[in-house]
Protein backbone atom coordinates (compact mmCIF):
# COMPACT_ATOMS: atom_id res chain seq x y z
CA MET A 1 -16.91 -4.08 12.50
CA ALA A 2 -20.40 -5.25 13.45
CA PHE A 3 -19.68 -5.80 17.23
CA ILE A 4 -18.50 -2.38 17.88
CA ARG A 5 -21.98 -1.28 17.46
CA GLY A 6 -23.56 -0.26 20.84
CA LEU A 7 -20.23 0.16 22.29
CA THR A 8 -20.03 2.92 25.01
CA ARG A 9 -17.23 5.32 25.00
CA LEU A 10 -15.71 5.02 28.45
CA GLY A 11 -12.58 5.96 28.38
CA VAL A 12 -10.16 8.43 26.03
CA ILE A 13 -6.67 8.91 26.09
CA ALA A 14 -5.68 11.80 24.43
CA PHE A 15 -2.68 13.18 22.27
CA PHE A 16 -0.46 10.18 23.35
CA ILE A 17 0.78 11.92 26.47
CA LEU A 18 2.71 8.73 27.56
CA GLU A 19 3.85 7.74 24.42
CA MET A 20 5.51 11.60 24.29
CA ALA A 21 7.63 11.14 26.94
CA VAL A 22 9.36 8.05 25.12
CA PHE A 23 10.75 10.67 22.58
CA PRO A 24 13.21 13.27 23.58
CA LYS A 25 13.13 16.81 22.28
CA ALA A 26 16.40 15.94 20.35
CA ALA A 27 15.24 12.70 18.76
CA ILE A 28 12.10 14.96 17.61
CA ALA A 29 14.38 17.61 15.86
CA VAL A 30 16.51 14.71 14.04
CA GLY A 31 13.11 14.03 12.50
CA ARG A 32 12.71 17.31 10.79
CA ALA A 33 15.62 16.92 8.59
CA PHE A 34 13.71 16.18 5.29
CA PRO A 35 15.16 14.01 2.75
CA LYS A 36 16.77 15.47 -0.05
CA ILE A 37 15.68 14.51 -3.54
CA THR A 38 15.79 15.40 -6.92
CA ALA A 39 12.36 14.70 -7.99
CA ASP A 40 9.83 17.53 -9.17
CA ALA A 41 7.11 15.46 -7.09
CA ALA A 42 7.25 12.85 -4.51
CA VAL A 43 5.38 11.34 -1.25
CA LEU A 44 5.97 8.66 1.24
CA ILE A 45 3.23 6.95 3.03
CA ASP A 46 2.67 4.29 5.74
CA ALA A 47 1.01 1.40 3.82
CA SER A 48 -0.75 0.36 7.09
CA THR A 49 -2.50 3.77 7.67
CA GLY A 50 -2.45 5.70 4.35
CA VAL A 51 -0.97 8.49 6.64
CA THR A 52 1.29 10.62 4.38
CA LEU A 53 4.79 11.29 6.27
CA PHE A 54 6.51 13.30 3.26
CA ALA A 55 5.30 15.23 0.53
CA HIS A 56 6.80 17.62 -2.18
CA ASN A 57 4.21 18.51 -5.00
CA ALA A 58 2.45 15.58 -4.08
CA THR A 59 -0.88 16.77 -5.89
CA GLN A 60 0.60 18.14 -8.72
CA ARG A 61 -0.59 16.58 -11.97
CA ARG A 62 2.38 14.91 -14.17
CA PRO A 63 2.80 12.20 -16.80
CA PRO A 64 3.20 9.12 -14.81
CA ALA A 65 4.71 6.80 -17.65
CA SER A 66 4.61 3.26 -17.03
CA THR A 67 3.54 3.38 -13.48
CA THR A 68 0.15 3.43 -15.22
CA LYS A 69 0.63 -0.22 -15.44
CA ILE A 70 0.26 -0.89 -11.82
CA LEU A 71 -3.61 0.22 -12.38
CA THR A 72 -3.76 -1.52 -15.70
CA SER A 73 -2.42 -5.02 -14.01
CA LEU A 74 -4.46 -4.47 -10.89
CA LEU A 75 -7.75 -4.43 -13.05
CA ALA A 76 -6.77 -7.53 -14.63
CA LEU A 77 -6.28 -9.36 -11.71
CA GLU A 78 -9.47 -8.37 -10.37
CA LEU A 79 -11.44 -8.94 -13.43
CA GLY A 80 -10.28 -12.15 -14.77
CA ASP A 81 -9.24 -15.67 -14.02
CA GLY A 82 -5.30 -15.71 -14.34
CA GLU A 83 -5.65 -19.03 -16.05
CA GLU A 84 -7.77 -17.57 -18.86
CA THR A 85 -6.02 -17.26 -22.21
CA VAL A 86 -5.45 -13.99 -24.09
CA THR A 87 -5.00 -13.74 -27.91
CA VAL A 88 -2.48 -10.83 -28.84
CA SER A 89 -3.75 -8.63 -31.87
CA GLU A 90 -1.79 -7.09 -34.73
CA LYS A 91 -2.61 -3.70 -32.72
CA ALA A 92 -1.48 -4.79 -29.50
CA SER A 93 1.91 -6.20 -30.86
CA ALA A 94 2.58 -2.94 -32.94
CA VAL A 95 2.39 -0.85 -29.89
CA GLN A 96 5.95 1.23 -29.48
CA GLY A 97 8.16 1.85 -26.47
CA ALA A 98 9.22 -1.06 -23.97
CA LYS A 99 8.13 -4.14 -25.41
CA VAL A 100 8.16 -7.87 -24.71
CA TYR A 101 7.90 -8.26 -28.25
CA LEU A 102 4.31 -10.21 -28.48
CA GLN A 103 3.50 -11.19 -31.94
CA SER A 104 0.14 -11.06 -33.51
CA GLY A 105 -1.65 -14.33 -32.84
CA ASP A 106 0.18 -15.09 -29.78
CA LEU A 107 -1.84 -16.86 -27.08
CA PHE A 108 -0.96 -16.13 -23.35
CA TYR A 109 -2.29 -17.03 -19.89
CA LEU A 110 -3.51 -13.77 -18.53
CA ASN A 111 -1.07 -13.92 -15.47
CA ASP A 112 1.63 -14.15 -17.96
CA LEU A 113 0.63 -11.17 -19.58
CA VAL A 114 0.31 -8.99 -16.17
CA LYS A 115 3.79 -10.22 -15.43
CA ALA A 116 4.98 -9.03 -18.83
CA ALA A 117 3.65 -5.56 -17.89
CA LEU A 118 4.67 -5.44 -14.44
CA ILE A 119 8.09 -7.12 -14.62
CA ARG A 120 9.45 -6.04 -18.03
CA SER A 121 7.01 -3.15 -18.45
CA GLY A 122 5.72 -4.49 -21.85
CA ASN A 123 3.69 -1.81 -23.46
CA ASP A 124 2.39 -4.56 -25.92
CA ALA A 125 1.32 -6.94 -23.15
CA ALA A 126 -0.55 -3.91 -21.24
CA ALA A 127 -2.31 -3.35 -24.58
CA ALA A 128 -3.29 -6.82 -25.17
CA ILE A 129 -4.66 -6.87 -21.60
CA ALA A 130 -6.77 -3.89 -22.35
CA GLU A 131 -8.05 -5.13 -25.60
CA HIS A 132 -9.08 -8.35 -23.77
CA PHE A 133 -11.11 -6.97 -21.00
CA GLY A 134 -12.42 -3.64 -22.92
CA GLY A 135 -12.32 -4.98 -26.65
CA CYS A 136 -10.48 -2.00 -27.17
CA PRO A 137 -8.07 0.21 -25.06
CA GLU A 138 -10.52 2.99 -24.93
CA ASN A 139 -13.01 1.20 -23.16
CA PHE A 140 -10.53 -0.48 -20.57
CA VAL A 141 -9.47 3.25 -20.04
CA GLN A 142 -12.87 3.94 -18.66
CA LEU A 143 -12.53 1.07 -16.23
CA MET A 144 -9.20 2.55 -15.04
CA ASN A 145 -10.71 5.84 -14.22
CA SER A 146 -13.41 4.51 -12.46
CA LYS A 147 -11.17 2.32 -10.39
CA ALA A 148 -8.82 5.49 -9.84
CA GLU A 149 -11.84 7.52 -8.44
CA ILE A 150 -13.16 4.52 -6.21
CA LEU A 151 -9.78 4.34 -4.67
CA GLY A 152 -9.53 8.36 -4.21
CA ALA A 153 -7.08 8.89 -6.77
CA TRP A 154 -9.38 11.62 -8.21
CA ARG A 155 -7.05 14.21 -9.83
CA SER A 156 -5.84 11.18 -12.16
CA CYS A 157 -6.74 11.11 -15.83
CA PHE A 158 -5.77 7.71 -17.55
CA CYS A 159 -5.83 7.86 -21.53
CA ASN A 160 -4.03 4.38 -22.20
CA PRO A 161 -3.07 1.32 -20.30
CA HIS A 162 0.67 1.48 -20.61
CA GLY A 163 1.73 5.24 -20.11
CA LEU A 164 3.02 6.24 -23.38
CA PRO A 165 2.68 10.19 -23.58
CA ASP A 166 -0.66 11.96 -24.05
CA ASP A 167 -1.10 15.40 -22.99
CA ASN A 168 -4.21 14.40 -21.25
CA HIS A 169 -2.72 11.19 -19.47
CA LEU A 170 -1.80 12.55 -16.05
CA SER A 171 -1.83 11.38 -12.29
CA THR A 172 -0.11 12.61 -9.18
CA ALA A 173 2.44 11.13 -6.81
CA TYR A 174 -0.33 10.99 -4.03
CA ASP A 175 -2.48 9.16 -6.36
CA LEU A 176 -0.02 6.57 -7.39
CA ALA A 177 0.57 5.96 -3.81
CA LEU A 178 -2.89 5.30 -3.06
CA ILE A 179 -3.29 3.04 -6.03
CA ALA A 180 -0.24 0.99 -5.08
CA ARG A 181 -1.35 0.71 -1.50
CA TYR A 182 -4.52 -1.02 -2.58
CA ALA A 183 -2.79 -2.90 -5.14
CA LEU A 184 -0.30 -4.45 -2.77
CA LYS A 185 -3.13 -6.12 -0.74
CA ASN A 186 -3.53 -8.35 -3.84
CA ARG A 187 -1.33 -11.19 -2.94
CA LEU A 188 -0.52 -12.09 -6.69
CA PHE A 189 0.27 -8.35 -7.40
CA ALA A 190 2.50 -8.04 -4.48
CA GLN A 191 4.28 -11.36 -5.55
CA ILE A 192 4.89 -10.19 -8.84
CA VAL A 193 6.18 -6.72 -8.55
CA ALA A 194 8.79 -8.32 -5.91
CA THR A 195 10.03 -10.74 -9.05
CA LYS A 196 13.51 -10.19 -10.14
CA SER A 197 13.00 -12.25 -13.37
CA GLU A 198 10.64 -14.56 -14.76
CA VAL A 199 10.28 -16.97 -17.81
CA ILE A 200 6.76 -17.32 -19.69
CA ARG A 201 5.87 -19.18 -22.55
CA GLU A 202 3.66 -18.81 -25.40
CA ILE A 203 1.00 -21.36 -25.59
CA ARG A 204 0.72 -22.25 -29.18
CA ARG A 205 4.55 -22.25 -30.24
CA GLY A 206 5.94 -23.09 -27.04
CA ARG A 207 7.96 -19.90 -27.34
CA SER A 208 9.77 -18.75 -24.18
CA VAL A 209 10.10 -15.10 -23.13
CA TYR A 210 12.35 -13.67 -20.51
CA LEU A 211 11.50 -11.07 -18.15
CA LYS A 212 14.05 -9.06 -16.05
CA ASN A 213 12.66 -6.71 -13.71
CA THR A 214 13.23 -3.08 -14.63
CA ASN A 215 13.32 -1.84 -10.87
CA ARG A 216 17.20 -1.85 -10.06
CA LEU A 217 16.56 -1.55 -6.25
CA LEU A 218 15.31 -5.47 -6.44
CA TRP A 219 18.64 -6.40 -7.83
CA ASP A 220 20.67 -4.05 -5.51
CA GLN A 221 18.73 -4.37 -2.24
CA PRO A 222 20.00 -2.07 0.68
CA GLU A 223 21.09 -3.65 3.92
CA ASP A 224 18.23 -2.39 6.39
CA ILE A 225 15.14 -2.26 4.08
CA LYS A 226 13.77 -4.94 1.83
CA ILE A 227 12.63 -3.36 -1.21
CA CYS A 228 9.17 -5.16 -2.46
CA GLY A 229 8.75 -3.65 -5.62
CA VAL A 230 6.48 -1.75 -7.37
CA LYS A 231 6.90 -0.13 -10.60
CA THR A 232 9.54 1.86 -12.81
CA GLY A 233 8.52 4.64 -15.55
CA THR A 234 10.36 6.51 -18.12
CA THR A 235 9.43 8.90 -20.83
CA SER A 236 11.05 11.92 -22.10
CA SER A 237 8.19 14.07 -20.60
CA ALA A 238 7.85 12.20 -17.39
CA GLY A 239 11.36 11.86 -16.80
CA GLN A 240 12.54 8.92 -14.12
CA CYS A 241 9.44 7.77 -12.07
CA LEU A 242 9.34 5.13 -9.81
CA VAL A 243 6.59 3.78 -7.13
CA ALA A 244 8.18 1.68 -4.64
CA ALA A 245 7.43 -0.50 -1.56
CA GLY A 246 10.00 -0.66 1.31
CA LYS A 247 9.51 -2.92 4.59
CA ARG A 248 11.66 -3.28 7.50
CA LYS A 249 10.47 -5.72 9.86
CA ASP A 250 6.71 -5.89 9.45
CA ASN A 251 6.54 -2.03 8.57
CA LEU A 252 5.96 -1.05 4.85
CA LEU A 253 6.12 2.39 3.41
CA ILE A 254 5.24 3.32 0.01
CA SER A 255 7.46 6.03 -2.07
CA VAL A 256 6.51 7.63 -5.44
CA VAL A 257 9.02 9.80 -7.20
CA LEU A 258 8.01 11.47 -10.46
CA HIS A 259 10.49 13.66 -13.02
CA SER A 260 13.76 12.45 -10.92
CA THR A 261 16.89 12.78 -12.31
CA ASP A 262 17.92 9.91 -9.60
CA ARG A 263 15.06 7.88 -8.80
CA TYR A 264 16.50 5.17 -6.89
CA GLN A 265 18.75 7.61 -4.65
CA ASP A 266 15.78 9.65 -4.37
CA THR A 267 13.61 6.56 -3.16
CA LEU A 268 16.18 5.40 -0.54
CA HIS A 269 16.40 8.92 0.74
CA LEU A 270 12.60 8.64 1.44
CA PHE A 271 12.76 5.16 2.88
CA ASP A 272 15.53 6.49 5.41
CA TYR A 273 13.44 9.44 6.39
CA GLY A 274 10.34 7.28 7.04
CA PHE A 275 12.25 4.59 8.77
CA ASN A 276 15.01 6.44 10.87
CA ARG A 277 13.56 9.80 11.05
CA CYS A 278 9.95 9.36 11.77
CA ILE A 279 8.30 8.37 14.89
CA TRP A 280 6.95 4.84 15.21
CA PHE A 281 4.33 3.97 17.34
CA GLU A 282 3.82 0.76 19.25
CA VAL A 283 0.44 1.44 20.07
CA ALA A 284 -0.40 -2.27 21.26
CA ARG A 285 1.30 -5.70 20.49
CA GLY A 286 -1.18 -8.78 19.81
CA GLY A 287 -1.68 -10.77 22.79
CA GLU A 288 -0.10 -8.45 25.32
CA PRO A 289 -2.17 -6.93 28.16
CA LEU A 290 -3.62 -3.29 27.71
CA LEU A 291 -6.37 -3.05 30.51
CA ILE A 292 -8.12 -5.06 33.57
CA LEU A 293 -12.17 -4.54 33.44
CA PRO A 294 -14.37 -5.89 36.18
CA VAL A 295 -17.18 -8.50 35.01
CA TRP A 296 -20.71 -8.79 36.44
CA GLY A 297 -23.21 -11.61 36.33
CA LYS A 298 -23.55 -14.70 38.63
CA SER A 299 -20.27 -14.35 39.62
CA PHE A 300 -17.80 -11.37 40.13
CA GLY A 301 -14.40 -11.13 38.53
CA TYR A 302 -11.91 -9.63 36.10
CA VAL A 303 -10.65 -9.88 32.59
CA THR A 304 -7.41 -8.98 30.99
CA ILE A 305 -8.04 -7.08 27.71
CA GLY A 306 -5.65 -6.74 24.97
CA SER A 307 -5.29 -6.02 21.07
CA GLU A 308 -5.87 -8.61 18.68
CA ARG A 309 -2.88 -8.25 16.50
CA ASP A 310 -0.40 -5.47 16.43
CA LEU A 311 -0.86 -2.10 15.93
CA VAL A 312 2.10 -0.37 14.93
CA PHE A 313 2.48 2.90 12.53
CA ALA A 314 4.50 6.08 11.73
CA VAL A 315 3.94 9.60 12.06
CA SER A 316 6.30 12.60 10.99
CA PRO A 317 7.36 14.72 13.85
CA GLU A 318 4.85 17.79 12.66
CA GLN A 319 2.00 15.27 13.29
CA LEU A 320 3.03 14.09 16.60
CA PRO A 321 0.73 16.54 18.83
CA PHE A 322 -2.43 16.04 16.68
CA LEU A 323 -2.66 12.17 17.58
CA GLU A 324 -5.24 10.84 19.64
CA LYS A 325 -5.91 6.99 21.05
CA ARG A 326 -9.31 5.92 22.58
CA PHE A 327 -10.66 2.50 23.83
CA LEU A 328 -14.28 1.56 23.28
CA PHE A 329 -15.63 -1.14 25.08
CA ARG A 330 -18.84 -2.27 26.22
CA ARG A 331 -20.06 -0.51 29.57
CA PHE A 332 -20.88 -3.96 31.52
CA LEU A 333 -19.14 -7.10 30.54
CA GLU A 334 -20.86 -10.22 31.52
CA THR A 335 -19.99 -13.79 32.26
CA PRO A 336 -19.15 -15.81 30.60
CA SER A 337 -16.22 -13.91 29.13
CA LYS A 338 -13.84 -16.29 27.64
CA PRO A 339 -10.35 -15.77 25.88
CA GLY A 340 -10.83 -14.69 22.60
CA ASP A 341 -13.95 -12.83 22.97
CA ARG A 342 -14.19 -9.28 21.10
CA VAL A 343 -15.42 -6.76 23.60
CA GLY A 344 -14.18 -3.59 21.99
CA CYS A 345 -11.76 -1.77 19.72
CA ILE A 346 -8.83 0.63 20.17
CA GLU A 347 -8.80 3.53 17.71
CA VAL A 348 -6.09 5.91 16.64
CA TYR A 349 -7.11 9.41 15.07
CA LEU A 350 -4.80 12.13 13.64
CA LYS A 351 -6.47 15.54 13.42
CA GLY A 352 -9.67 14.00 14.17
CA HIS A 353 -9.53 11.44 11.26
CA LEU A 354 -9.72 7.66 12.19
CA ILE A 355 -6.30 6.44 10.74
CA ALA A 356 -5.78 2.94 12.64
CA SER A 357 -7.76 0.62 14.68
CA GLU A 358 -7.71 -2.81 16.15
CA SER A 359 -10.11 -5.15 17.95
CA LEU A 360 -9.83 -5.64 21.66
CA VAL A 361 -10.07 -9.35 23.03
CA VAL A 362 -10.37 -11.03 26.46
CA LEU A 363 -6.73 -12.54 26.99
CA ASP A 364 -7.29 -14.17 30.41
CA SER A 365 -10.15 -14.07 33.15
CA CYS A 366 -10.18 -14.48 36.99
CA PHE A 367 -13.23 -15.21 39.18
CA PRO A 368 -11.97 -15.63 42.66
CA THR A 369 -13.97 -17.68 45.02
CA ILE A 370 -15.32 -16.01 48.32
CA ASP A 371 -15.28 -18.21 51.23
C-alpha cells in the first residue's frame, strides 16, 4: 500500500496481551485436542491469512489424483476468455478414468469445459483444456509447474493436467492448500466449485451433458458450516483425496486430506477443529473506533481512527504466544483530515512474519472552538 511509505512506528502492542485475557486457560486446553483423521497427510489453513492451523505430514509428497484439476482449471480461467471455443481432439476424448464422454470434434465453450473438469472431474475435459492452451499436454504442464512455483507450491511436480497416476506426478497437502487459496480468489472458480449440478451443451450438435458434483459434502451440508467446494480426487495410489473450503459467517478455512479412508469425515473433523477449537481473533471491526489522535495545523483537534474493514483471523493455541499487533501511522496528522482518509495501517505478525494487515482510516473529527 503506497500510502504507508513514510509512516513512523509510534506504538507497538505486543503479543496480544489484552486479547489473551479473553481466553481462559481451560478454553485453550480444549483447543489442544487435535482432530482425529484417517488421512496419511492433511492440512488446515485460514484462507484469509494462509496460517496453518493443523498439519499432519503436510509437506510429504504424494499423488494428488484429480485435485490436480484445481490448477488446470485455474490456468484456463486466467489464460482464456470463457466464451472462446475449444475443439475436442481424438486424443483428448480417449483419455481414461473419470470422463464426461466428450467426442472427437465436439465444440465447447471454454467455461463449460472448466465446469466439466471441476464439477464432474472429467479427465477428457482437462485434456482438452491442456491441448487448447499448450498445443499438447506436455507444454501445458510446464505452465502448471511454473504457476505452482509462483504460488509457493515448490514441492509439487505435475506431469499431466488431470491427475492420472504417474510416478513423478506429486504434490503435498500444503501445496494444494496454497493453490486452492489462490484459486478461490477467482470469483468464477469459486462459483463453479460450489455448484452442485449443471448442464452444459455441445455447440455443433446441441448435445446436453449433465454434470453432478463429485463432492458429497455439497449435497450433505453440515448444520453450522457452509461447504464452498473445492475438488475431490481418487486413484488406487492416491487413495481418497479432498480439497475443501468451509465457511462460517465471513470466516473461510481450507482443508486438504490425502490418502484417506474417509475423506468427508476427516474434512468435517478438520473444520470442527478450526472453527470450534482454534482461537478466532477479532482484531478490528470495520468502522469501529480504535484510536483517538491529535491533529495539528491551523486549528487543533482530534480524529477518531478505525480499521477500514474487518480484521478477523484464526490461530491454533500453540501459536498464541507468538502474535504481535502493530499500529503504524503518521507522526503528525494535519488538517483537514476528513472521514475516509487513510492515515496508517494495523499489522499482525506471527513469529515475526506479517500475516494480516488493514488500513486505518479517519472515522470522525472534532475541532473545538476556543472562546
